[in-house]
Amino acid sequence: MKTVKSAAPSTDNRWRIVDAAMRRLGFQPHALIETLHVTQETFGFLDEDALRYIAATLGVPLSQVYGVATFYRAFTLKPKGAHHTCVVCTGTACHLKGLPEILAALEAELGLSPGGSTPDGKAALMTARCLASCGLAPAAVFDGKMVGNLTSATALKRIRQWVEHES
């Protein structure tokens, strides 16, 4: 059994949950994905300190940890919006039917870019390689609800509602 190679990134007691998961899995490299899941469930996202700690503790190259964390859509490297999430499809059909214009409008008018949150943290914008709704392109999922034939105006209206009507 391996031993922990580095100290937790902070004194936050939530690191005990992550450490317990790694210990239960024998501090083995094959525990990477489960450890990333536990860390994200515990902290809400995976920051650089967490990725470095996991890499050192499991004896996995940081590049591999980062590669896994960025490959799978389930992981996020930034805090999610405090209340709402919009996931836009970046597939070919959505791209061809106007996704770039929608993303440009969200950035210009709300300061919201993929992987980020609105300045107030009330809404987050994520991307997915495909939402399997090509017939509805461009498509997005707003808090779990699929919306097809999306326009810049529709996306802006939905997200503005989240930002303006939440306290």
C-alpha atoms as a PDB file:
ATOM      1  CA  MET A   1       0.000   0.000   0.000  1.00  0.00           C
ATOM      2  CA  LYS A   2       1.277   3.474  -0.883  1.00  0.00           C
ATOM      3  CA  THR A   3       1.454   6.210   1.666  1.00  0.00           C
ATOM      4  CA  VAL A   4       0.330   9.793   1.159  1.00  0.00           C
ATOM      5  CA  LYS A   5       3.139  11.714  -0.568  1.00  0.00           C
ATOM      6  CA  SER A   6       2.028  15.265   0.192  1.00  0.00           C
ATOM      7  CA  ALA A   7       0.009  17.296   2.637  1.00  0.00           C
ATOM      8  CA  ALA A   8      -3.497  18.401   1.747  1.00  0.00           C
ATOM      9  CA  PRO A   9      -3.661  21.771  -0.034  1.00  0.00           C
ATOM     10  CA  SER A  10      -5.296  23.400   2.996  1.00  0.00           C
ATOM     11  CA  THR A  11      -6.461  22.685   6.510  1.00  0.00           C
ATOM     12  CA  ASP A  12     -10.049  22.416   5.268  1.00  0.00           C
ATOM     13  CA  ASN A  13     -11.557  19.366   6.969  1.00  0.00           C
ATOM     14  CA  ARG A  14     -13.214  18.308   3.722  1.00  0.00           C
ATOM     15  CA  TRP A  15      -9.820  16.971   2.596  1.00  0.00           C
ATOM     16  CA  ARG A  16     -10.359  14.159   5.103  1.00  0.00           C
ATOM     17  CA  ILE A  17     -13.181  12.875   2.872  1.00  0.00           C
ATOM     18  CA  VAL A  18     -10.878  12.844  -0.152  1.00  0.00           C
ATOM     19  CA  ASP A  19      -8.044  11.241   1.832  1.00  0.00           C
ATOM     20  CA  ALA A  20     -10.396   8.544   3.127  1.00  0.00           C
ATOM     21  CA  ALA A  21     -11.496   7.714  -0.412  1.00  0.00           C
ATOM     22  CA  MET A  22      -7.899   7.442  -1.637  1.00  0.00           C
ATOM     23  CA  ARG A  23      -6.944   5.331   1.400  1.00  0.00           C
ATOM     24  CA  ARG A  24      -9.939   3.019   0.822  1.00  0.00           C
ATOM     25  CA  LEU A  25      -8.717   2.561  -2.774  1.00  0.00           C
ATOM     26  CA  GLY A  26      -5.152   1.876  -1.696  1.00  0.00           C
ATOM     27  CA  PHE A  27      -3.651   5.138  -3.004  1.00  0.00           C
ATOM     28  CA  GLN A  28      -3.412   3.451  -6.408  1.00  0.00           C
ATOM     29  CA  PRO A  29      -3.307   5.232  -9.792  1.00  0.00           C
ATOM     30  CA  HIS A  30      -6.411   3.308 -10.914  1.00  0.00           C
ATOM     31  CA  ALA A  31      -8.334   5.268  -8.255  1.00  0.00           C
ATOM     32  CA  LEU A  32      -7.922   8.526 -10.215  1.00  0.00           C
ATOM     33  CA  ILE A  33     -11.421   8.883 -11.641  1.00  0.00           C
ATOM     34  CA  GLU A  34     -13.156   7.953  -8.405  1.00  0.00           C
ATOM     35  CA  THR A  35     -10.888  10.315  -6.474  1.00  0.00           C
ATOM     36  CA  LEU A  36     -11.722  13.144  -8.885  1.00  0.00           C
ATOM     37  CA  HIS A  37     -15.443  12.417  -8.405  1.00  0.00           C
ATOM     38  CA  VAL A  38     -15.129  12.442  -4.617  1.00  0.00           C
ATOM     39  CA  THR A  39     -13.111  15.665  -4.691  1.00  0.00           C
ATOM     40  CA  GLN A  40     -15.613  17.410  -6.946  1.00  0.00           C
ATOM     41  CA  GLU A  41     -18.562  16.191  -4.871  1.00  0.00           C
ATOM     42  CA  THR A  42     -16.821  17.492  -1.773  1.00  0.00           C
ATOM     43  CA  PHE A  43     -15.665  20.888  -3.055  1.00  0.00           C
ATOM     44  CA  GLY A  44     -17.984  21.482  -6.032  1.00  0.00           C
ATOM     45  CA  PHE A  45     -15.161  21.711  -8.586  1.00  0.00           C
ATOM     46  CA  LEU A  46     -11.527  20.735  -9.160  1.00  0.00           C
ATOM     47  CA  ASP A  47      -8.973  23.509  -8.784  1.00  0.00           C
ATOM     48  CA  GLU A  48      -5.265  23.368  -9.572  1.00  0.00           C
ATOM     49  CA  ASP A  49      -4.280  22.663  -5.964  1.00  0.00           C
ATOM     50  CA  ALA A  50      -6.659  19.695  -5.856  1.00  0.00           C
ATOM     51  CA  LEU A  51      -5.306  18.288  -9.131  1.00  0.00           C
ATOM     52  CA  ARG A  52      -1.717  18.634  -7.898  1.00  0.00           C
ATOM     53  CA  TYR A  53      -2.543  16.981  -4.585  1.00  0.00           C
ATOM     54  CA  ILE A  54      -4.323  14.065  -6.241  1.00  0.00           C
ATOM     55  CA  ALA A  55      -1.442  13.601  -8.694  1.00  0.00           C
ATOM     56  CA  ALA A  56       1.166  13.546  -5.934  1.00  0.00           C
ATOM     57  CA  THR A  57      -0.851  11.321  -3.636  1.00  0.00           C
ATOM     58  CA  LEU A  58      -1.769   8.722  -6.257  1.00  0.00           C
ATOM     59  CA  GLY A  59       1.615   8.868  -7.983  1.00  0.00           C
ATOM     60  CA  VAL A  60       0.086   9.904 -11.307  1.00  0.00           C
ATOM     61  CA  PRO A  61       1.603  12.576 -13.571  1.00  0.00           C
ATOM     62  CA  LEU A  62      -0.164  15.933 -13.235  1.00  0.00           C
ATOM     63  CA  SER A  63      -0.658  15.959 -17.014  1.00  0.00           C
ATOM     64  CA  GLN A  64      -2.649  12.721 -16.771  1.00  0.00           C
ATOM     65  CA  VAL A  65      -4.802  14.037 -13.915  1.00  0.00           C
ATOM     66  CA  TYR A  66      -5.473  17.252 -15.843  1.00  0.00           C
ATOM     67  CA  GLY A  67      -6.177  15.265 -19.015  1.00  0.00           C
ATOM     68  CA  VAL A  68      -8.785  13.109 -17.284  1.00  0.00           C
ATOM     69  CA  ALA A  69     -10.357  16.103 -15.523  1.00  0.00           C
ATOM     70  CA  THR A  70     -10.728  18.015 -18.794  1.00  0.00           C
ATOM     71  CA  PHE A  71     -11.738  15.061 -20.965  1.00  0.00           C
ATOM     72  CA  TYR A  72     -14.817  14.003 -19.039  1.00  0.00           C
ATOM     73  CA  ARG A  73     -17.773  16.386 -19.051  1.00  0.00           C
ATOM     74  CA  ALA A  74     -18.646  15.366 -15.486  1.00  0.00           C
ATOM     75  CA  PHE A  75     -15.685  17.330 -14.138  1.00  0.00           C
ATOM     76  CA  THR A  76     -15.379  21.090 -13.888  1.00  0.00           C
ATOM     77  CA  LEU A  77     -12.304  23.151 -13.095  1.00  0.00           C
ATOM     78  CA  LYS A  78     -14.253  26.239 -12.051  1.00  0.00           C
ATOM     79  CA  PRO A  79     -17.013  26.769  -9.520  1.00  0.00           C
ATOM     80  CA  LYS A  80     -20.451  26.352 -11.013  1.00  0.00           C
ATOM     81  CA  GLY A  81     -23.033  29.077 -10.856  1.00  0.00           C
ATOM     82  CA  ALA A  82     -24.600  29.319  -7.462  1.00  0.00           C
ATOM     83  CA  HIS A  83     -28.063  28.639  -8.813  1.00  0.00           C
ATOM     84  CA  HIS A  84     -28.307  27.755 -12.497  1.00  0.00           C
ATOM     85  CA  THR A  85     -26.426  25.985 -15.257  1.00  0.00           C
ATOM     86  CA  CYS A  86     -26.688  26.239 -19.035  1.00  0.00           C
ATOM     87  CA  VAL A  87     -24.989  23.535 -21.102  1.00  0.00           C
ATOM     88  CA  VAL A  88     -24.640  24.399 -24.783  1.00  0.00           C
ATOM     89  CA  CYS A  89     -23.975  21.832 -27.471  1.00  0.00           C
ATOM     90  CA  THR A  90     -20.781  22.404 -29.457  1.00  0.00           C
ATOM     91  CA  GLY A  91     -21.488  19.675 -32.006  1.00  0.00           C
ATOM     92  CA  THR A  92     -21.227  20.278 -35.734  1.00  0.00           C
ATOM     93  CA  ALA A  93     -24.942  20.842 -36.345  1.00  0.00           C
ATOM     94  CA  CYS A  94     -25.206  23.373 -33.515  1.00  0.00           C
ATOM     95  CA  HIS A  95     -22.040  25.119 -34.624  1.00  0.00           C
ATOM     96  CA  LEU A  96     -23.283  25.434 -38.190  1.00  0.00           C
ATOM     97  CA  LYS A  97     -26.704  26.675 -37.100  1.00  0.00           C
ATOM     98  CA  GLY A  98     -25.513  29.597 -34.996  1.00  0.00           C
ATOM     99  CA  LEU A  99     -23.741  28.520 -31.807  1.00  0.00           C
ATOM    100  CA  PRO A 100     -20.803  30.934 -32.300  1.00  0.00           C
ATOM    101  CA  GLU A 101     -23.185  33.901 -32.443  1.00  0.00           C
ATOM    102  CA  ILE A 102     -25.003  32.733 -29.308  1.00  0.00           C
ATOM    103  CA  LEU A 103     -21.748  32.346 -27.383  1.00  0.00           C
ATOM    104  CA  ALA A 104     -20.553  35.771 -28.587  1.00  0.00           C
ATOM    105  CA  ALA A 105     -23.796  37.382 -27.375  1.00  0.00           C
ATOM    106  CA  LEU A 106     -23.536  35.737 -23.945  1.00  0.00           C
ATOM    107  CA  GLU A 107     -19.959  36.919 -23.604  1.00  0.00           C
ATOM    108  CA  ALA A 108     -20.638  40.465 -24.828  1.00  0.00           C
ATOM    109  CA  GLU A 109     -23.806  41.131 -22.869  1.00  0.00           C
ATOM    110  CA  LEU A 110     -23.426  39.060 -19.706  1.00  0.00           C
ATOM    111  CA  GLY A 111     -19.689  38.442 -19.440  1.00  0.00           C
ATOM    112  CA  LEU A 112     -20.468  34.735 -19.572  1.00  0.00           C
ATOM    113  CA  SER A 113     -18.079  32.432 -21.416  1.00  0.00           C
ATOM    114  CA  PRO A 114     -17.872  28.619 -21.591  1.00  0.00           C
ATOM    115  CA  GLY A 115     -16.552  27.163 -18.374  1.00  0.00           C
ATOM    116  CA  GLY A 116     -17.311  30.333 -16.450  1.00  0.00           C
ATOM    117  CA  SER A 117     -19.992  31.951 -14.353  1.00  0.00           C
ATOM    118  CA  THR A 118     -21.713  35.290 -14.465  1.00  0.00           C
ATOM    119  CA  PRO A 119     -19.888  37.887 -12.347  1.00  0.00           C
ATOM    120  CA  ASP A 120     -22.460  37.415  -9.577  1.00  0.00           C
ATOM    121  CA  GLY A 121     -22.049  33.610  -9.680  1.00  0.00           C
ATOM    122  CA  LYS A 122     -25.763  32.989 -10.235  1.00  0.00           C
ATOM    123  CA  ALA A 123     -25.384  31.251 -13.600  1.00  0.00           C
ATOM    124  CA  ALA A 124     -22.739  29.037 -15.173  1.00  0.00           C
ATOM    125  CA  LEU A 125     -22.152  28.211 -18.831  1.00  0.00           C
ATOM    126  CA  MET A 126     -20.804  24.804 -19.748  1.00  0.00           C
ATOM    127  CA  THR A 127     -20.313  23.036 -23.060  1.00  0.00           C
ATOM    128  CA  ALA A 128     -20.889  19.492 -24.221  1.00  0.00           C
ATOM    129  CA  ARG A 129     -19.475  17.896 -27.343  1.00  0.00           C
ATOM    130  CA  CYS A 130     -22.938  16.654 -28.278  1.00  0.00           C
ATOM    131  CA  LEU A 131     -26.367  16.681 -26.656  1.00  0.00           C
ATOM    132  CA  ALA A 132     -27.729  14.163 -29.184  1.00  0.00           C
ATOM    133  CA  SER A 133     -30.369  16.637 -30.355  1.00  0.00           C
ATOM    134  CA  CYS A 134     -29.041  17.572 -33.783  1.00  0.00           C
ATOM    135  CA  GLY A 135     -32.559  18.004 -35.166  1.00  0.00           C
ATOM    136  CA  LEU A 136     -33.082  20.807 -32.639  1.00  0.00           C
ATOM    137  CA  ALA A 137     -29.792  22.602 -33.386  1.00  0.00           C
ATOM    138  CA  PRO A 138     -28.618  24.805 -31.931  1.00  0.00           C
ATOM    139  CA  ALA A 139     -29.520  23.245 -28.604  1.00  0.00           C
ATOM    140  CA  ALA A 140     -28.793  23.801 -24.937  1.00  0.00           C
ATOM    141  CA  VAL A 141     -29.900  22.440 -21.588  1.00  0.00           C
ATOM    142  CA  PHE A 142     -31.067  25.041 -19.072  1.00  0.00           C
ATOM    143  CA  ASP A 143     -31.173  23.562 -15.561  1.00  0.00           C
ATOM    144  CA  GLY A 144     -31.904  20.117 -16.964  1.00  0.00           C
ATOM    145  CA  LYS A 145     -34.464  21.213 -19.584  1.00  0.00           C
ATOM    146  CA  MET A 146     -33.577  20.818 -23.260  1.00  0.00           C
ATOM    147  CA  VAL A 147     -34.201  23.864 -25.446  1.00  0.00           C
ATOM    148  CA  GLY A 148     -33.900  23.548 -29.208  1.00  0.00           C
ATOM    149  CA  ASN A 149     -33.735  26.051 -32.058  1.00  0.00           C
ATOM    150  CA  LEU A 150     -31.917  28.325 -29.643  1.00  0.00           C
ATOM    151  CA  THR A 151     -31.251  31.938 -30.572  1.00  0.00           C
ATOM    152  CA  SER A 152     -29.064  34.557 -28.933  1.00  0.00           C
ATOM    153  CA  ALA A 153     -32.198  36.360 -27.750  1.00  0.00           C
ATOM    154  CA  THR A 154     -33.652  33.205 -26.168  1.00  0.00           C
ATOM    155  CA  ALA A 155     -30.407  32.311 -24.390  1.00  0.00           C
ATOM    156  CA  LEU A 156     -29.925  35.858 -23.122  1.00  0.00           C
ATOM    157  CA  LYS A 157     -33.533  36.073 -21.913  1.00  0.00           C
ATOM    158  CA  ARG A 158     -33.304  32.814 -19.925  1.00  0.00           C
ATOM    159  CA  ILE A 159     -30.017  33.649 -18.284  1.00  0.00           C
ATOM    160  CA  ARG A 160     -31.058  37.251 -17.545  1.00  0.00           C
ATOM    161  CA  GLN A 161     -34.110  35.859 -15.745  1.00  0.00           C
ATOM    162  CA  TRP A 162     -31.841  33.793 -13.527  1.00  0.00           C
ATOM    163  CA  VAL A 163     -29.544  36.731 -12.784  1.00  0.00           C
ATOM    164  CA  GLU A 164     -32.171  39.438 -12.336  1.00  0.00           C
ATOM    165  CA  HIS A 165     -34.779  37.464 -10.387  1.00  0.00           C
ATOM    166  CA  GLU A 166     -32.529  35.773  -7.850  1.00  0.00           C
ATOM    167  CA  SER A 167     -31.406  37.451  -4.679  1.00  0.00           C
END
